[in-house]
Amino acid sequence: MPQTLIVIPARLQASRLPGKPLKDICGEPMIVHVWRRAVEADAGRVLVATDSEGILKAIEQAGGEAVMTKSDHESGTDRVFEAVEAVDGKRSCDIVVNLQGDLPTLDPGLVSACIAPLTDDHCDIATLAVEIVDEAERDDPHVVKAIGTRSSVTGTLRALYFTRATAPHGEGPLYHHIGIYAFRRAALQRFVSLPRSELECREKLEQLRALEAGMRIDVALVDTVPVGVDTPADLERARALLSSSAH
């Protein structure tokens, strides 16, 4: 079986919700909730990569593993790669999952679902999407759409593009992209070595860098979108969801 390392990048500074990873949800910092969901996935070793001593201590006090990384990374993927190189110098892990640190209500099953497309040797990177059922999401630029063609694996698309626009045109489903990624180790190393691409900068979507470089991204279709926390309102929603599930 391939060895998998699940890395949760977490920086303390966030423009819309400063100190976000350490915000309290039901008595624990948000980043601890995300770490717990990742552990519950039972899909591999879990590591938090951070630039904050506070986050490091919170994870270690919960019984988890964390590593300090540089504070000036341009993206979470760059932080993930630094952490992987630090803890796996012998290159024993084959797959690296980049799991966002602001998904405290994550369904653990999504981690395994994200890894599954990598059973196809031609796939470099795997990610997730869910069919859009809320009409408001179709035209919302904050909802990234995954555009792809059906692959040989049932329930999986081979990605052709990702966009903030309403696409593709015409009758048929649209898919809401979920920003969780599973990389082959070599694909991650190649990805972070590439310069930022023209379409990546235009759409502000780093996965387009991989597509422009000819890398293959497969998209597993799932039926749930985890609640991301970017604003105070999102935080209250996550608190309510986790409080109700605890009772």
Protein backbone atom coordinates (compact mmCIF):
# COMPACT_ATOMS: atom_id res chain seq x y z
CA MET A 1 0.00 0.00 0.00
CA PRO A 2 1.27 3.52 -0.76
CA GLN A 3 2.41 5.47 2.30
CA THR A 4 0.33 8.62 2.80
CA LEU A 5 1.18 11.77 4.73
CA ILE A 6 -1.69 14.17 5.48
CA VAL A 7 -0.39 17.69 6.03
CA ILE A 8 -2.53 20.54 7.38
CA PRO A 9 -0.93 23.94 6.65
CA ALA A 10 -1.91 26.56 9.23
CA ARG A 11 -0.64 30.13 9.46
CA LEU A 12 -1.78 32.42 12.23
CA GLN A 13 -2.42 35.52 10.15
CA ALA A 14 -5.62 35.71 8.12
CA SER A 15 -6.93 38.99 6.70
CA ARG A 16 -10.63 38.36 7.31
CA LEU A 17 -10.32 36.46 10.60
CA PRO A 18 -7.02 37.14 12.39
CA GLY A 19 -5.78 34.27 14.56
CA LYS A 20 -8.23 31.94 12.79
CA PRO A 21 -6.61 28.54 13.56
CA LEU A 22 -6.71 29.21 17.31
CA LYS A 23 -10.31 30.43 17.45
CA ASP A 24 -12.26 28.46 20.06
CA ILE A 25 -14.91 26.02 18.88
CA CYS A 26 -16.63 24.05 21.64
CA GLY A 27 -13.64 24.35 23.96
CA GLU A 28 -10.84 23.57 21.50
CA PRO A 29 -8.92 25.58 18.89
CA MET A 30 -10.25 25.19 15.36
CA ILE A 31 -7.00 23.65 14.13
CA VAL A 32 -7.36 20.85 16.70
CA HIS A 33 -10.81 20.01 15.31
CA VAL A 34 -9.34 19.78 11.80
CA TRP A 35 -6.49 17.60 13.07
CA ARG A 36 -9.01 15.29 14.78
CA ARG A 37 -11.03 14.91 11.56
CA ALA A 38 -7.84 14.06 9.67
CA VAL A 39 -6.88 11.43 12.26
CA GLU A 40 -10.39 9.96 12.11
CA ALA A 41 -9.95 9.50 8.36
CA ASP A 42 -7.41 6.77 9.19
CA ALA A 43 -5.74 7.34 5.83
CA GLY A 44 -2.16 8.02 6.93
CA ARG A 45 0.16 9.94 9.22
CA VAL A 46 -1.19 13.41 10.09
CA LEU A 47 1.04 16.47 10.45
CA VAL A 48 0.27 20.15 11.04
CA ALA A 49 2.67 22.56 9.32
CA THR A 50 2.66 26.02 10.87
CA ASP A 51 4.56 29.26 11.41
CA SER A 52 3.07 29.75 14.90
CA GLU A 53 4.36 28.48 18.24
CA GLY A 54 0.79 28.76 19.54
CA ILE A 55 -0.55 26.42 16.87
CA LEU A 56 2.36 24.03 17.40
CA LYS A 57 1.65 23.86 21.14
CA ALA A 58 -2.11 23.44 20.65
CA ILE A 59 -1.57 20.42 18.41
CA GLU A 60 1.08 18.87 20.64
CA GLN A 61 -1.12 19.33 23.72
CA ALA A 62 -3.90 17.46 21.89
CA GLY A 63 -1.49 14.60 21.22
CA GLY A 64 -0.76 15.46 17.61
CA GLU A 65 2.36 16.08 15.54
CA ALA A 66 3.31 19.52 14.26
CA VAL A 67 6.34 21.10 12.63
CA MET A 68 7.46 24.72 12.35
CA THR A 69 7.84 26.17 8.84
CA LYS A 70 8.87 29.51 7.39
CA SER A 71 6.44 32.41 7.73
CA ASP A 72 6.87 33.82 4.21
CA HIS A 73 5.38 31.04 2.08
CA GLU A 74 3.19 32.27 -0.79
CA SER A 75 0.79 29.35 -0.47
CA GLY A 76 -0.24 26.50 1.77
CA THR A 77 1.18 24.07 -0.79
CA ASP A 78 4.64 25.56 -0.38
CA ARG A 79 4.31 25.17 3.39
CA VAL A 80 3.20 21.56 2.95
CA PHE A 81 6.24 20.78 0.82
CA GLU A 82 8.65 22.27 3.36
CA ALA A 83 7.06 20.15 6.11
CA VAL A 84 7.21 16.98 4.01
CA GLU A 85 10.89 17.51 3.26
CA ALA A 86 11.58 18.12 6.96
CA VAL A 87 9.88 14.99 8.32
CA ASP A 88 10.36 12.56 5.45
CA GLY A 89 13.92 13.01 4.26
CA LYS A 90 14.09 9.32 3.35
CA ARG A 91 11.13 9.81 0.98
CA SER A 92 9.14 6.92 2.42
CA CYS A 93 5.77 8.53 1.72
CA ASP A 94 4.31 8.20 -1.78
CA ILE A 95 1.23 10.42 -1.44
CA VAL A 96 0.84 13.80 0.25
CA VAL A 97 -2.60 15.20 1.10
CA ASN A 98 -2.87 18.97 1.46
CA LEU A 99 -5.79 19.45 3.85
CA GLN A 100 -6.97 22.98 4.57
CA GLY A 101 -6.73 24.05 8.20
CA ASP A 102 -10.08 25.84 8.21
CA LEU A 103 -12.41 22.85 7.76
CA PRO A 104 -13.44 21.94 11.33
CA THR A 105 -16.64 20.15 10.21
CA LEU A 106 -14.85 18.01 7.61
CA ASP A 107 -16.33 14.59 6.90
CA PRO A 108 -13.26 12.33 7.44
CA GLY A 109 -14.38 10.19 4.50
CA LEU A 110 -13.47 13.02 2.13
CA VAL A 111 -9.77 12.40 2.76
CA SER A 112 -9.92 8.84 1.44
CA ALA A 113 -12.20 9.97 -1.41
CA CYS A 114 -9.57 12.51 -2.43
CA ILE A 115 -6.78 9.92 -2.46
CA ALA A 116 -8.76 7.34 -4.48
CA PRO A 117 -8.14 8.75 -8.01
CA LEU A 118 -4.40 8.22 -7.56
CA THR A 119 -4.98 4.50 -8.09
CA ASP A 120 -4.75 5.50 -11.78
CA ASP A 121 -1.03 5.73 -12.50
CA HIS A 122 -1.60 8.50 -15.04
CA CYS A 123 -3.04 10.85 -12.40
CA ASP A 124 -0.58 13.33 -10.82
CA ILE A 125 -2.93 15.18 -8.46
CA ALA A 126 -6.39 14.34 -7.14
CA THR A 127 -9.05 16.63 -5.71
CA LEU A 128 -12.80 16.77 -5.01
CA ALA A 129 -15.98 18.38 -6.28
CA VAL A 130 -19.71 18.19 -5.61
CA GLU A 131 -22.57 18.91 -8.00
CA ILE A 132 -24.06 22.35 -7.45
CA VAL A 133 -27.68 22.26 -6.32
CA ASP A 134 -27.97 25.81 -4.93
CA GLU A 135 -28.71 28.11 -7.88
CA ALA A 136 -26.94 31.01 -6.15
CA GLU A 137 -23.64 29.11 -6.30
CA ARG A 138 -23.73 28.90 -10.08
CA ASP A 139 -22.88 32.60 -10.47
CA ASP A 140 -20.88 33.08 -7.27
CA PRO A 141 -17.19 33.81 -8.06
CA HIS A 142 -16.24 32.56 -4.59
CA VAL A 143 -17.49 29.11 -5.61
CA VAL A 144 -14.82 27.64 -7.87
CA LYS A 145 -16.14 25.39 -10.63
CA ALA A 146 -14.33 22.24 -11.71
CA ILE A 147 -14.71 21.49 -15.41
CA GLY A 148 -13.80 18.05 -16.63
CA THR A 149 -14.53 15.09 -18.81
CA ARG A 150 -15.60 11.70 -17.50
CA SER A 151 -12.65 9.44 -16.78
CA SER A 152 -12.53 5.65 -16.96
CA VAL A 153 -13.23 5.52 -13.21
CA THR A 154 -16.89 5.86 -12.25
CA GLY A 155 -17.62 9.06 -10.34
CA THR A 156 -14.38 10.74 -11.41
CA LEU A 157 -13.62 13.57 -13.84
CA ARG A 158 -10.34 14.33 -15.56
CA ALA A 159 -9.96 18.06 -14.99
CA LEU A 160 -9.76 20.33 -18.00
CA TYR A 161 -10.07 23.66 -16.19
CA PHE A 162 -11.06 25.37 -12.94
CA THR A 163 -12.76 28.77 -12.96
CA ARG A 164 -14.62 31.33 -10.88
CA ALA A 165 -16.92 31.95 -13.84
CA THR A 166 -20.19 30.13 -14.49
CA ALA A 167 -18.98 27.29 -16.71
CA PRO A 168 -19.33 25.26 -18.77
CA HIS A 169 -22.10 26.92 -20.79
CA GLY A 170 -25.28 25.05 -21.73
CA GLU A 171 -27.43 22.40 -20.14
CA GLY A 172 -25.88 20.05 -17.61
CA PRO A 173 -24.42 19.97 -14.12
CA LEU A 174 -21.87 22.38 -12.67
CA TYR A 175 -19.41 21.20 -10.04
CA HIS A 176 -18.31 23.06 -6.92
CA HIS A 177 -14.60 22.42 -6.38
CA ILE A 178 -13.45 21.47 -2.85
CA GLY A 179 -9.89 22.60 -2.22
CA ILE A 180 -8.41 19.41 -0.80
CA TYR A 181 -5.57 17.87 -2.83
CA ALA A 182 -3.72 14.56 -2.89
CA PHE A 183 -0.35 14.72 -4.68
CA ARG A 184 2.03 12.04 -5.73
CA ARG A 185 5.26 12.93 -3.96
CA ALA A 186 7.06 13.64 -7.24
CA ALA A 187 4.12 15.73 -8.51
CA LEU A 188 4.20 17.89 -5.37
CA GLN A 189 7.92 18.51 -5.81
CA ARG A 190 7.42 19.45 -9.46
CA PHE A 191 4.44 21.66 -8.70
CA VAL A 192 6.21 23.83 -6.12
CA SER A 193 9.20 24.21 -8.47
CA LEU A 194 7.05 25.69 -11.25
CA PRO A 195 6.70 29.47 -11.66
CA ARG A 196 3.25 30.94 -11.13
CA SER A 197 1.34 30.72 -14.39
CA GLU A 198 -0.64 33.28 -16.35
CA LEU A 199 -4.05 31.71 -15.80
CA GLU A 200 -3.26 30.97 -12.15
CA CYS A 201 -2.63 34.67 -11.58
CA ARG A 202 -5.68 35.71 -13.57
CA GLU A 203 -8.16 33.38 -11.83
CA LYS A 204 -6.25 33.33 -8.51
CA LEU A 205 -6.38 29.52 -8.55
CA GLU A 206 -3.05 27.78 -8.03
CA GLN A 207 -4.24 24.43 -9.42
CA LEU A 208 -4.24 26.01 -12.89
CA ARG A 209 -0.43 26.10 -12.66
CA ALA A 210 -0.44 22.30 -12.74
CA LEU A 211 -2.84 22.09 -15.68
CA GLU A 212 -0.89 24.67 -17.67
CA ALA A 213 2.26 22.61 -17.09
CA GLY A 214 0.56 19.49 -18.49
CA MET A 215 0.01 17.75 -15.18
CA ARG A 216 -3.11 15.61 -14.85
CA ILE A 217 -5.65 16.37 -12.12
CA ASP A 218 -8.51 13.95 -11.49
CA VAL A 219 -11.60 15.03 -9.57
CA ALA A 220 -13.58 12.62 -7.39
CA LEU A 221 -17.26 13.56 -7.20
CA VAL A 222 -18.64 13.49 -3.65
CA ASP A 223 -21.94 14.53 -2.07
CA THR A 224 -20.93 16.91 0.71
CA VAL A 225 -19.10 20.24 0.96
CA PRO A 226 -17.21 20.89 4.22
CA VAL A 227 -17.90 24.23 5.90
CA GLY A 228 -14.87 26.45 5.49
CA VAL A 229 -14.22 29.18 8.07
CA ASP A 230 -13.13 32.52 6.58
CA THR A 231 -15.31 35.05 8.41
CA PRO A 232 -16.81 35.56 11.89
CA ALA A 233 -20.16 34.37 10.50
CA ASP A 234 -18.53 31.16 9.23
CA LEU A 235 -17.02 30.63 12.67
CA GLU A 236 -20.40 30.92 14.37
CA ARG A 237 -21.89 28.47 11.88
CA ALA A 238 -19.13 25.95 12.59
CA ARG A 239 -19.63 26.38 16.34
CA ALA A 240 -23.34 25.69 15.95
CA LEU A 241 -22.78 22.63 13.78
CA LEU A 242 -20.20 21.07 16.08
CA SER A 243 -22.19 21.94 19.20
CA SER A 244 -25.30 20.22 17.82
CA SER A 245 -23.32 17.13 16.74
CA ALA A 246 -21.86 16.80 20.24
CA HIS A 247 -25.30 16.46 21.82
